[in-house]
C-alpha cells in the first residue's frame, strides 16, 4: 500500500512540476520522513564513545536530557511527531552529601530550641529535608543540651577532703565550707580522684550534703577545664648528667621506667626530681612551678615531662586540670546523619571490628577490599536481616592519612550488596514534530473494560457521527478523563498520554488524543 502511495506521488510530481529529478527524490524523502515510532533502547559502549563520554556514563540527568535528543535524531532520522523512545543509560550516582546549620527559623518551625534525641532530629529532617533518597548524608550543625553526669558525694568522698566526721559541708557563717569556692575546691579534689580519665570539658552536677543549722542538700554544676600554668612562675628545666648522678642514675643518665624497675612509678620519679630541684634551686619560693624534662628508658630511649610546684618544703605534681563553676548553656555540635529508614548516624567500627575484618590497623587502605569485607561482616551484625533492608556505613580509609568514607548496603536475602555509584537510569523522550524532547508520555489504548466504565461497552467504540454522544472532541475528552483518573489515580502533575480509541463515523476507525494532567484533570495537549 505504501509503494502504491509513493507511485501516485511520483506521477503527480511528474505532471505538475518542472523541477529536476533530484527535487522529486527530496519530495519522496520528505513524505517518507513522517513516521511515528516507539522504541526502547539501551546505550552501548560505542554510543558512549560517540557521545564523547570517556567514563561510559552521564554525570547528571540534565546532561542526559541535553545530549540524547541529537543522539535520537541520528538514531531514528525518519521518525517524527508522536514518536516515543525510552532510553536506558548509565548515570553516575554518588552518595549525596550536604552540610547544613540549623537556624533560629528552623527551631521555631518545629517548636524546639535544640536537638537532643532521635525524635528531635527526625522532626527536623522531616521538615527541612522531606524528599531525600535513602543513603543521603548530611553533616548537621545544631544546638544541643550538654551532656552532664549526675554525681552524689559518698562517705568516702567526704573522708578524702577531711569532712568524714559528719559527711557533709558546714556552710554556716564562719565555718570551713561557708564559701562556694571552698566547696568547689573540695569537689574538684574529689572528682580528680574519682574520674582521672574524664574527657576534657566533662561536666558534672554534684549533689552534696550541707549543714546550715539543719541538714540539707545542695547541687553544684562544674566543668572540667585545662589551665595553662602561669608562665611568670614557671621555669623550664631539663635534667643534666650531674642531676642523674645526684640521685644514683649516673650510669645510664635516665630513669628506667620498665615494669619492676626503680623509676617505674610516677611517684618514684617525682621524689628524685624533688631531690634534684631542692639541690639546684635553694631560693625557690612557694608557688614556683618547674616544667621538668627528663630522659627515660622503656625498652627504647625517650623523654618525659613532669610539671611540679614548690609548696615551701617540697615539690608536688601540679595538675593543670580543674573543675570550675559552670552555668548551663546549649552547645553547638556537628554530627553526620544518613537517611535509612530514619535519619541516624551511619554505623562505624571499633578497632576490634577492623581486626575481625582482617585489618592490622583500624582502617582500610583498599576501597574494593573495604566494600567486600564490610559486606561480609554485616551478615554477622544483622543475622536476621530481611530482603531490602538498608544500612549506611562509614569507615576509616588510609591514604597518607586517615579520612572517612561512606557506602550504603542493601540486603538481597543472602548478601549485603554495596549500592554502586553508577546506576541504570531511563528517560522517556517524545518527538514534538521538530525535535526530541524529554517526555513522560505513555501510549495507552482503551480496553473493553474502559469502554464499559463510560457506558460504551455495547460496541466498544465512540460514536462520532453527527448528533451522536461522542461527536464532539469535548465529550470524548470527558470520557477519557473518567477512564484515566480511574485507572491511574496516582499520576503526577504533568503526566502525558496518547490515548488510542475506536470510533464509528459510518465505518470503523481508530483515532488518538494527546492529553496532559493539569491539576485534577487531563486536558488536550
Protein backbone atom coordinates (compact mmCIF):
# COMPACT_ATOMS: atom_id res chain seq x y z
CA UNK A 1 0.00 0.00 0.00
CA UNK A 2 2.86 2.32 0.90
CA UNK A 3 4.50 1.64 -2.51
CA UNK A 4 1.24 2.48 -4.31
CA UNK A 5 1.03 5.75 -2.39
CA UNK A 6 4.55 6.69 -3.39
CA UNK A 7 3.85 5.79 -7.07
CA UNK A 8 0.92 8.21 -7.19
CA UNK A 9 3.06 10.80 -5.51
CA UNK A 10 5.77 10.39 -8.19
CA UNK A 11 3.27 10.64 -11.06
CA UNK A 12 1.77 13.75 -9.56
CA UNK A 13 5.17 15.33 -9.26
CA UNK A 14 6.00 14.44 -12.90
CA UNK A 15 2.88 16.14 -14.25
CA UNK A 16 2.81 19.18 -12.01
CA UNK A 17 6.44 20.11 -11.58
CA UNK A 18 9.30 21.06 -13.81
CA UNK A 19 11.88 20.60 -11.03
CA UNK A 20 14.80 18.26 -11.74
CA UNK A 21 14.55 14.62 -10.69
CA UNK A 22 16.58 15.33 -7.54
CA UNK A 23 13.77 17.56 -6.32
CA UNK A 24 11.38 14.67 -6.88
CA UNK A 25 13.50 12.43 -4.67
CA UNK A 26 13.65 15.10 -1.99
CA UNK A 27 9.87 15.26 -2.01
CA UNK A 28 9.68 11.48 -1.72
CA UNK A 29 12.15 11.54 1.20
CA UNK A 30 10.05 14.18 2.90
CA UNK A 31 6.94 12.04 2.58
CA UNK A 32 8.77 9.03 3.99
CA UNK A 33 10.07 11.02 6.98
CA UNK A 34 6.63 11.47 8.52
CA UNK A 35 6.75 8.25 10.56
CA UNK A 36 5.62 7.75 14.16
CA UNK A 37 7.55 5.09 16.02
CA UNK A 38 8.13 3.81 19.52
CA UNK A 39 11.39 2.29 20.78
CA UNK A 40 13.13 1.06 23.91
CA UNK A 41 16.87 1.50 23.63
CA UNK A 42 19.91 0.91 25.89
CA UNK A 43 23.12 2.79 25.13
CA UNK A 44 26.14 0.69 24.18
CA UNK A 45 29.85 1.29 24.79
CA UNK A 46 30.10 2.57 21.23
CA UNK A 47 27.29 5.04 21.89
CA UNK A 48 29.15 6.49 24.88
CA UNK A 49 32.25 6.84 22.69
CA UNK A 50 30.19 8.64 20.03
CA UNK A 51 28.86 10.96 22.73
CA UNK A 52 32.46 11.54 23.91
CA UNK A 53 31.67 10.22 27.40
CA UNK A 54 35.02 8.71 28.32
CA UNK A 55 33.81 7.22 31.61
CA UNK A 56 30.95 5.38 29.92
CA UNK A 57 28.21 7.21 31.83
CA UNK A 58 26.43 10.54 32.19
CA UNK A 59 27.38 12.72 35.14
CA UNK A 60 23.84 14.04 35.63
CA UNK A 61 20.25 13.67 34.46
CA UNK A 62 20.43 17.16 32.97
CA UNK A 63 23.41 16.15 30.83
CA UNK A 64 21.48 13.17 29.52
CA UNK A 65 18.44 15.31 28.71
CA UNK A 66 20.69 17.76 26.88
CA UNK A 67 22.75 15.27 24.84
CA UNK A 68 20.31 12.47 23.99
CA UNK A 69 17.89 14.39 21.69
CA UNK A 70 20.56 14.83 18.99
CA UNK A 71 21.60 11.22 19.51
CA UNK A 72 17.99 10.06 18.92
CA UNK A 73 17.71 12.23 15.80
CA UNK A 74 20.70 10.41 14.39
CA UNK A 75 19.45 7.03 15.55
CA UNK A 76 15.89 7.42 14.21
CA UNK A 77 16.16 10.05 11.43
CA UNK A 78 12.82 9.17 9.83
CA UNK A 79 10.71 9.46 12.98
CA UNK A 80 8.54 12.48 13.63
CA UNK A 81 5.65 13.76 15.73
CA UNK A 82 4.19 11.46 18.41
CA UNK A 83 7.24 9.17 18.31
CA UNK A 84 8.42 7.91 21.68
CA UNK A 85 11.72 6.49 22.85
CA UNK A 86 12.64 5.15 26.28
CA UNK A 87 16.44 5.38 26.59
CA UNK A 88 18.32 3.49 29.31
CA UNK A 89 21.80 4.74 30.15
CA UNK A 90 24.41 4.63 32.90
CA UNK A 91 24.32 7.50 35.37
CA UNK A 92 27.00 8.49 37.86
CA UNK A 93 25.08 8.47 41.13
CA UNK A 94 27.43 9.09 44.06
CA UNK A 95 26.15 9.41 47.60
CA UNK A 96 24.65 12.85 48.04
CA UNK A 97 26.47 14.90 50.68
CA UNK A 98 25.14 18.08 52.21
CA UNK A 99 26.08 20.34 55.12
CA UNK A 100 23.54 22.45 57.00
CA UNK A 101 23.43 24.65 60.09
CA UNK A 102 20.06 24.79 61.84
CA UNK A 103 18.71 28.36 62.01
CA UNK A 104 16.51 30.13 64.54
CA UNK A 105 13.69 29.97 61.99
CA UNK A 106 14.11 26.19 61.77
CA UNK A 107 13.84 25.78 65.55
CA UNK A 108 10.75 27.97 65.58
CA UNK A 109 9.15 25.99 62.74
CA UNK A 110 9.45 22.67 64.60
CA UNK A 111 8.70 24.12 68.06
CA UNK A 112 12.10 23.34 69.63
CA UNK A 113 15.10 25.29 70.87
CA UNK A 114 17.64 22.50 70.48
CA UNK A 115 18.01 18.96 69.07
CA UNK A 116 18.71 16.29 71.67
CA UNK A 117 17.36 12.89 70.63
CA UNK A 118 16.34 10.84 67.60
CA UNK A 119 12.80 12.21 67.73
CA UNK A 120 14.05 15.80 67.58
CA UNK A 121 16.43 15.03 64.73
CA UNK A 122 13.82 13.25 62.64
CA UNK A 123 11.29 16.05 63.24
CA UNK A 124 13.86 18.48 61.90
CA UNK A 125 14.82 16.37 58.88
CA UNK A 126 11.17 15.72 58.01
CA UNK A 127 10.67 19.50 57.99
CA UNK A 128 13.87 20.56 56.21
CA UNK A 129 14.83 17.53 54.08
CA UNK A 130 11.47 15.86 53.32
CA UNK A 131 12.29 14.30 49.94
CA UNK A 132 15.82 12.92 50.19
CA UNK A 133 16.64 9.46 48.87
CA UNK A 134 17.96 6.72 51.14
CA UNK A 135 21.67 7.00 51.76
CA UNK A 136 21.81 10.79 51.64
CA UNK A 137 24.42 12.15 54.06
CA UNK A 138 24.02 15.46 55.92
CA UNK A 139 26.63 16.97 58.21
CA UNK A 140 24.34 18.83 60.59
CA UNK A 141 25.41 21.66 62.91
CA UNK A 142 22.88 22.31 65.66
CA UNK A 143 22.35 23.42 69.24
CA UNK A 144 22.04 20.68 71.82
CA UNK A 145 21.85 20.30 75.57
CA UNK A 146 25.25 19.46 77.10
CA UNK A 147 25.98 16.00 78.48
CA UNK A 148 26.02 16.34 82.26
CA UNK A 149 26.90 13.49 84.63
CA UNK A 150 24.97 13.45 87.89
CA UNK A 151 27.11 12.53 90.88
CA UNK A 152 26.32 12.40 94.61
CA UNK A 153 29.18 12.59 97.11
CA UNK A 154 29.76 9.45 99.18
CA UNK A 155 31.12 8.95 102.70
CA UNK A 156 34.49 8.09 101.17
CA UNK A 157 34.45 11.39 99.26
CA UNK A 158 33.91 13.39 102.46
CA UNK A 159 36.73 11.40 104.12
CA UNK A 160 39.05 12.31 101.22
CA UNK A 161 38.66 16.06 101.85
CA UNK A 162 38.58 15.95 105.67
CA UNK A 163 34.82 16.05 106.19
CA UNK A 164 34.35 12.45 107.20
CA UNK A 165 33.13 13.14 110.73
CA UNK A 166 29.71 14.44 109.67
CA UNK A 167 29.81 13.54 105.97
CA UNK A 168 28.70 17.00 104.88
CA UNK A 169 29.92 20.53 104.24
CA UNK A 170 29.35 23.03 107.06
CA UNK A 171 28.15 26.20 105.34
CA UNK A 172 27.28 28.22 108.47
CA UNK A 173 28.76 31.70 108.72
CA UNK A 174 32.43 31.48 109.59
CA UNK A 175 32.63 27.73 109.06
CA UNK A 176 35.04 25.86 106.76
CA UNK A 177 32.78 25.46 103.74
CA UNK A 178 30.83 28.70 104.04
CA UNK A 179 32.01 29.99 100.66
CA UNK A 180 31.11 28.28 97.43
CA UNK A 181 34.71 28.40 96.21
CA UNK A 182 35.89 26.34 99.19
CA UNK A 183 33.24 23.75 98.37
CA UNK A 184 34.21 23.89 94.68
CA UNK A 185 37.85 23.21 95.56
CA UNK A 186 36.93 20.18 97.67
CA UNK A 187 34.58 18.86 94.98
CA UNK A 188 37.41 19.36 92.48
CA UNK A 189 39.71 17.20 94.62
CA UNK A 190 37.04 14.50 94.76
CA UNK A 191 36.33 14.50 91.02
CA UNK A 192 40.03 14.49 90.11
CA UNK A 193 40.46 11.49 92.39
CA UNK A 194 37.38 9.59 91.23
CA UNK A 195 37.46 10.36 87.49
CA UNK A 196 41.13 10.58 86.48
CA UNK A 197 40.32 9.78 82.87
CA UNK A 198 37.43 12.20 82.44
CA UNK A 199 37.28 13.77 78.99
CA UNK A 200 38.28 17.39 78.52
CA UNK A 201 35.29 19.61 79.16
CA UNK A 202 33.41 16.96 81.15
CA UNK A 203 30.50 18.39 83.14
CA UNK A 204 29.13 17.17 86.47
CA UNK A 205 26.08 18.06 88.51
CA UNK A 206 27.31 17.26 92.01
CA UNK A 207 24.85 16.71 94.82
CA UNK A 208 26.30 17.18 98.32
CA UNK A 209 25.07 17.26 101.91
CA UNK A 210 25.31 20.53 103.87
CA UNK A 211 24.65 21.77 107.35
CA UNK A 212 23.41 25.34 107.89
CA UNK A 213 21.83 24.75 111.28
CA UNK A 214 19.89 21.85 109.88
CA UNK A 215 20.71 19.13 107.40
CA UNK A 216 20.18 19.90 103.72
CA UNK A 217 21.25 19.11 100.20
CA UNK A 218 22.67 21.40 97.52
CA UNK A 219 23.83 20.94 93.94
CA UNK A 220 26.81 22.35 92.09
CA UNK A 221 27.35 22.41 88.31
CA UNK A 222 31.04 22.20 87.42
CA UNK A 223 33.00 21.80 84.20
CA UNK A 224 36.47 20.35 83.78
CA UNK A 225 38.99 22.61 82.10
CA UNK A 226 42.65 22.55 81.25
CA UNK A 227 44.66 25.52 82.52
CA UNK A 228 47.92 26.86 81.23
CA UNK A 229 50.37 27.27 84.12
CA UNK A 230 51.37 30.84 84.99
CA UNK A 231 54.35 31.47 82.72
CA UNK A 232 55.76 34.05 85.12
CA UNK A 233 56.01 31.38 87.83
CA UNK A 234 57.20 28.54 85.56
CA UNK A 235 60.77 27.51 84.91
CA UNK A 236 61.54 25.04 82.13
CA UNK A 237 64.33 22.71 83.21
CA UNK A 238 65.98 19.63 81.65
CA UNK A 239 67.83 17.18 83.89
CA UNK A 240 71.59 17.06 83.32
CA UNK A 241 74.11 14.25 83.68
CA UNK A 242 75.04 15.70 87.09
CA UNK A 243 71.39 15.58 88.16
CA UNK A 244 71.15 11.88 87.33
CA UNK A 245 74.45 11.33 89.23
CA UNK A 246 72.94 13.08 92.25
CA UNK A 247 70.05 10.59 92.55
CA UNK A 248 72.00 7.44 91.68
CA UNK A 249 71.16 7.22 87.98
CA UNK A 250 74.54 8.29 86.63
CA UNK A 251 75.39 5.04 84.84
CA UNK A 252 72.75 5.46 82.11
CA UNK A 253 71.72 9.05 82.82
CA UNK A 254 68.00 8.33 82.63
CA UNK A 255 65.08 6.93 84.61
CA UNK A 256 64.33 3.26 83.90
CA UNK A 257 60.51 3.11 83.81
CA UNK A 258 60.17 -0.52 82.69
CA UNK A 259 57.92 -2.74 84.81
CA UNK A 260 59.62 -3.66 88.06
CA UNK A 261 62.44 -1.09 87.67
CA UNK A 262 63.30 1.68 90.14
CA UNK A 263 61.52 4.52 88.39
CA UNK A 264 58.51 2.61 87.09
CA UNK A 265 56.06 4.74 89.11
CA UNK A 266 55.43 8.44 88.64
CA UNK A 267 55.86 8.91 92.39
CA UNK A 268 59.39 7.41 92.31
CA UNK A 269 60.36 9.85 89.58
CA UNK A 270 58.74 12.77 91.41
CA UNK A 271 60.77 12.01 94.53
CA UNK A 272 64.05 12.01 92.60
CA UNK A 273 63.11 15.19 90.73
CA UNK A 274 62.26 16.80 94.10
CA UNK A 275 65.75 15.95 95.40
CA UNK A 276 67.33 17.49 92.30
CA UNK A 277 65.26 20.71 92.44
CA UNK A 278 65.81 21.21 96.17
CA UNK A 279 69.54 20.94 95.48
CA UNK A 280 69.59 23.17 92.40
CA UNK A 281 67.07 25.87 93.34
CA UNK A 282 67.51 26.69 97.02
CA UNK A 283 65.93 30.13 96.56
CA UNK A 284 62.61 28.80 95.21
CA UNK A 285 59.51 30.22 96.89
CA UNK A 286 56.13 28.63 97.49
CA UNK A 287 54.08 28.57 94.29
CA UNK A 288 57.02 28.33 91.90
CA UNK A 289 56.45 25.88 89.07
CA UNK A 290 59.06 23.76 87.28
CA UNK A 291 58.36 22.06 83.97
CA UNK A 292 60.96 19.28 84.10
CA UNK A 293 62.06 17.29 81.04
CA UNK A 294 63.88 14.04 81.82
CA UNK A 295 65.36 11.10 79.88
CA UNK A 296 63.70 7.69 80.25
CA UNK A 297 64.22 4.13 79.07
CA UNK A 298 61.19 1.92 78.46
CA UNK A 299 62.87 -0.51 76.08
CA UNK A 300 63.95 2.43 73.95
CA UNK A 301 65.35 5.83 74.80
CA UNK A 302 62.89 8.70 75.17
CA UNK A 303 61.88 11.71 77.21
CA UNK A 304 59.01 12.62 79.51
CA UNK A 305 57.84 15.86 81.13
CA UNK A 306 56.62 16.47 84.69
CA UNK A 307 55.12 19.75 85.99
CA UNK A 308 55.75 20.21 89.71
CA UNK A 309 55.11 23.03 92.18
CA UNK A 310 57.10 24.08 95.24
CA UNK A 311 54.89 24.23 98.33
CA UNK A 312 57.51 25.75 100.65
CA UNK A 313 59.09 22.47 101.72
CA UNK A 314 58.89 20.09 98.76
CA UNK A 315 57.60 19.57 95.23
CA UNK A 316 54.22 18.13 94.35
CA UNK A 317 52.88 17.22 90.93
CA UNK A 318 50.86 20.15 89.65
CA UNK A 319 47.69 19.33 87.77
CA UNK A 320 46.60 21.69 85.03
CA UNK A 321 43.12 20.21 85.31
CA UNK A 322 40.49 21.98 87.40
CA UNK A 323 36.74 21.93 87.86
CA UNK A 324 35.19 25.38 87.65
CA UNK A 325 31.64 26.55 88.29
CA UNK A 326 29.54 26.06 85.19
CA UNK A 327 26.34 27.78 84.03
CA UNK A 328 24.04 25.64 81.92
CA UNK A 329 24.08 26.64 78.25
CA UNK A 330 23.22 24.99 74.94
CA UNK A 331 26.23 23.82 72.97
CA UNK A 332 26.88 23.75 69.24
CA UNK A 333 27.60 20.32 67.84
CA UNK A 334 28.13 18.82 64.38
CA UNK A 335 27.07 15.25 63.62
CA UNK A 336 26.91 13.23 60.42
CA UNK A 337 23.45 11.79 59.69
CA UNK A 338 22.43 9.34 56.98
CA UNK A 339 18.88 8.52 55.86
CA UNK A 340 18.00 4.83 56.14
CA UNK A 341 14.53 4.06 57.50
CA UNK A 342 15.05 7.23 59.53
CA UNK A 343 17.83 9.76 59.99
CA UNK A 344 20.66 8.49 62.19
CA UNK A 345 24.43 8.40 62.39
CA UNK A 346 25.93 5.83 59.98
CA UNK A 347 27.36 2.74 61.62
CA UNK A 348 31.12 2.79 62.20
CA UNK A 349 33.58 0.25 63.53
CA UNK A 350 35.84 -0.21 66.56
CA UNK A 351 39.48 -1.26 66.41
CA UNK A 352 38.42 -4.79 67.35
CA UNK A 353 35.93 -4.87 64.48
CA UNK A 354 38.57 -3.77 61.98
CA UNK A 355 40.71 -6.62 63.29
CA UNK A 356 37.80 -9.04 62.74
CA UNK A 357 37.65 -7.77 59.16
CA UNK A 358 41.31 -8.69 58.69
CA UNK A 359 42.91 -5.28 59.19
CA UNK A 360 46.10 -4.68 61.20
CA UNK A 361 45.06 -1.08 61.84
CA UNK A 362 41.62 0.47 62.46
CA UNK A 363 41.18 1.43 58.81
CA UNK A 364 41.23 0.14 55.24
CA UNK A 365 43.75 1.19 52.61
CA UNK A 366 41.94 -0.51 49.69
CA UNK A 367 38.39 0.58 48.83
CA UNK A 368 37.42 -2.59 46.99
CA UNK A 369 38.60 -4.71 49.93
CA UNK A 370 36.73 -2.45 52.35
CA UNK A 371 33.44 -2.80 50.46
CA UNK A 372 33.87 -6.58 50.17
CA UNK A 373 34.88 -7.24 53.79
CA UNK A 374 32.28 -4.90 55.28
CA UNK A 375 29.57 -6.63 53.24
CA UNK A 376 30.61 -9.96 54.78
CA UNK A 377 30.80 -8.51 58.29
CA UNK A 378 27.28 -7.05 58.02
CA UNK A 379 25.96 -10.62 57.88
CA UNK A 380 27.38 -11.08 61.40
CA UNK A 381 25.90 -7.80 62.66
CA UNK A 382 22.45 -8.32 61.12
CA UNK A 383 21.81 -12.05 61.24
CA UNK A 384 18.04 -11.64 60.89
CA UNK A 385 18.03 -9.04 58.11
CA UNK A 386 15.09 -9.03 55.70
CA UNK A 387 15.20 -8.50 51.94
CA UNK A 388 15.70 -4.82 51.02
CA UNK A 389 17.00 -3.87 54.47
CA UNK A 390 19.25 -0.83 54.10
CA UNK A 391 22.38 0.02 56.11
CA UNK A 392 24.53 3.16 55.90
CA UNK A 393 28.22 2.61 56.74
CA UNK A 394 31.12 4.96 57.42
CA UNK A 395 34.64 3.51 57.51
CA UNK A 396 38.16 4.82 58.02
CA UNK A 397 40.30 4.97 54.88
CA UNK A 398 44.07 5.41 54.97
CA UNK A 399 45.99 7.09 52.15
CA UNK A 400 48.81 9.12 53.66
CA UNK A 401 46.35 9.99 56.42
CA UNK A 402 43.02 8.71 57.73
CA UNK A 403 39.74 10.06 56.35
CA UNK A 404 36.16 8.79 56.42
CA UNK A 405 34.30 7.26 53.50
CA UNK A 406 30.63 6.34 53.24
CA UNK A 407 28.94 3.46 51.48
CA UNK A 408 25.36 2.14 51.55
CA UNK A 409 24.33 -1.51 51.50
CA UNK A 410 21.10 -3.33 50.63
CA UNK A 411 20.36 -6.93 51.65
CA UNK A 412 19.10 -9.18 48.83
CA UNK A 413 18.14 -12.09 51.07
CA UNK A 414 21.58 -13.69 51.24
CA UNK A 415 24.21 -11.00 50.59
CA UNK A 416 24.73 -7.38 51.60
CA UNK A 417 25.39 -5.54 48.34
CA UNK A 418 27.06 -2.13 48.21
CA UNK A 419 24.95 0.30 46.20
CA UNK A 420 27.07 1.18 43.16
CA UNK A 421 27.95 4.74 42.26
CA UNK A 422 26.98 4.08 38.63
CA UNK A 423 23.36 3.03 38.13
CA UNK A 424 21.00 2.41 35.23
CA UNK A 425 18.53 5.23 34.57
CA UNK A 426 15.78 5.52 31.95
CA UNK A 427 14.35 8.69 30.43
CA UNK A 428 11.46 8.84 28.01
CA UNK A 429 11.68 11.19 25.05
CA UNK A 430 8.93 12.31 22.72
CA UNK A 431 9.13 13.91 19.28
CA UNK A 432 7.21 17.18 19.10
CA UNK A 433 7.35 17.40 15.32
CA UNK A 434 10.61 19.32 15.30
CA UNK A 435 12.94 17.57 17.72
CA UNK A 436 13.17 15.05 20.52
CA UNK A 437 12.36 16.39 23.99
CA UNK A 438 12.36 14.68 27.41
CA UNK A 439 8.86 13.34 27.79
CA UNK A 440 6.87 11.14 30.12
CA UNK A 441 4.22 10.31 27.53
CA UNK A 442 2.52 6.93 27.85
CA UNK A 443 0.79 5.43 24.85
CA UNK A 444 -2.48 3.88 26.01
CA UNK A 445 -5.17 2.03 24.07
CA UNK A 446 -8.66 1.82 25.57
CA UNK A 447 -9.77 -1.65 26.64
CA UNK A 448 -13.17 -3.29 26.76
CA UNK A 449 -13.30 -2.50 30.49
CA UNK A 450 -12.59 1.16 29.75
CA UNK A 451 -15.50 1.39 27.28
CA UNK A 452 -17.73 -0.35 29.82
CA UNK A 453 -16.69 2.17 32.50
CA UNK A 454 -18.09 5.06 30.43
CA UNK A 455 -21.15 3.24 29.04
CA UNK A 456 -19.77 2.41 25.58
CA UNK A 457 -19.38 -1.34 26.05
CA UNK A 458 -22.13 -2.34 23.58
CA UNK A 459 -19.97 -1.56 20.53
CA UNK A 460 -16.60 -0.92 22.19
CA UNK A 461 -16.10 2.43 20.48
CA UNK A 462 -17.03 6.11 20.47
CA UNK A 463 -19.81 7.07 18.02
CA UNK A 464 -18.62 10.32 16.42
CA UNK A 465 -21.42 10.68 13.84
CA UNK A 466 -23.31 13.95 13.74
CA UNK A 467 -25.73 14.15 16.63
CA UNK A 468 -24.27 11.16 18.45
CA UNK A 469 -22.88 11.11 22.02
CA UNK A 470 -19.19 11.38 21.18
CA UNK A 471 -19.50 13.70 18.16
CA UNK A 472 -17.57 16.48 19.90
CA UNK A 473 -13.97 16.14 20.98
CA UNK A 474 -15.00 17.68 24.29
CA UNK A 475 -17.31 14.73 25.05
CA UNK A 476 -14.61 12.21 24.14
CA UNK A 477 -12.09 14.08 26.35
CA UNK A 478 -14.53 13.90 29.28
CA UNK A 479 -14.86 10.12 28.95
CA UNK A 480 -11.08 9.69 28.57
CA UNK A 481 -10.69 11.74 31.78
CA UNK A 482 -13.01 9.35 33.60
CA UNK A 483 -11.01 6.36 32.38
CA UNK A 484 -7.53 7.73 33.15
CA UNK A 485 -8.47 9.05 36.59
CA UNK A 486 -9.96 5.66 37.41
CA UNK A 487 -7.03 3.61 36.09
CA UNK A 488 -4.15 5.82 37.19
CA UNK A 489 -5.21 7.68 40.36
CA UNK A 490 -1.61 8.38 41.44
CA UNK A 491 -0.45 10.15 38.29
CA UNK A 492 1.61 13.25 38.99
CA UNK A 493 1.03 16.71 37.60
CA UNK A 494 2.29 16.83 34.02
CA UNK A 495 1.81 13.17 33.16
CA UNK A 496 1.09 12.79 29.43
CA UNK A 497 -0.84 10.17 27.48
CA UNK A 498 -1.53 9.49 23.85
CA UNK A 499 -4.86 7.67 24.09
CA UNK A 500 -5.87 5.49 21.17
CA UNK A 501 -9.58 4.64 20.84
CA UNK A 502 -12.03 3.04 18.43
CA UNK A 503 -14.55 5.23 16.64
CA UNK A 504 -17.54 4.78 14.36
CA UNK A 505 -18.32 7.50 11.81
CA UNK A 506 -20.23 5.35 9.41
CA UNK A 507 -17.30 3.00 9.29
CA UNK A 508 -14.98 1.66 11.96
CA UNK A 509 -11.79 3.58 12.59
CA UNK A 510 -9.05 4.33 15.14
CA UNK A 511 -8.28 7.82 16.41
CA UNK A 512 -5.97 9.16 19.10
CA UNK A 513 -5.91 12.09 21.50
CA UNK A 514 -2.89 13.55 23.31
CA UNK A 515 -3.64 14.74 26.85
CA UNK A 516 -1.68 16.03 29.86
CA UNK A 517 -2.66 16.11 33.53
CA UNK A 518 -3.15 19.60 34.90
CA UNK A 519 -4.38 19.75 38.45
CA UNK A 520 -7.06 17.09 38.86
CA UNK A 521 -7.99 16.67 35.18
CA UNK A 522 -6.49 15.78 31.81
CA UNK A 523 -6.57 18.45 29.14
CA UNK A 524 -5.81 18.26 25.46
CA UNK A 525 -2.19 18.95 24.55
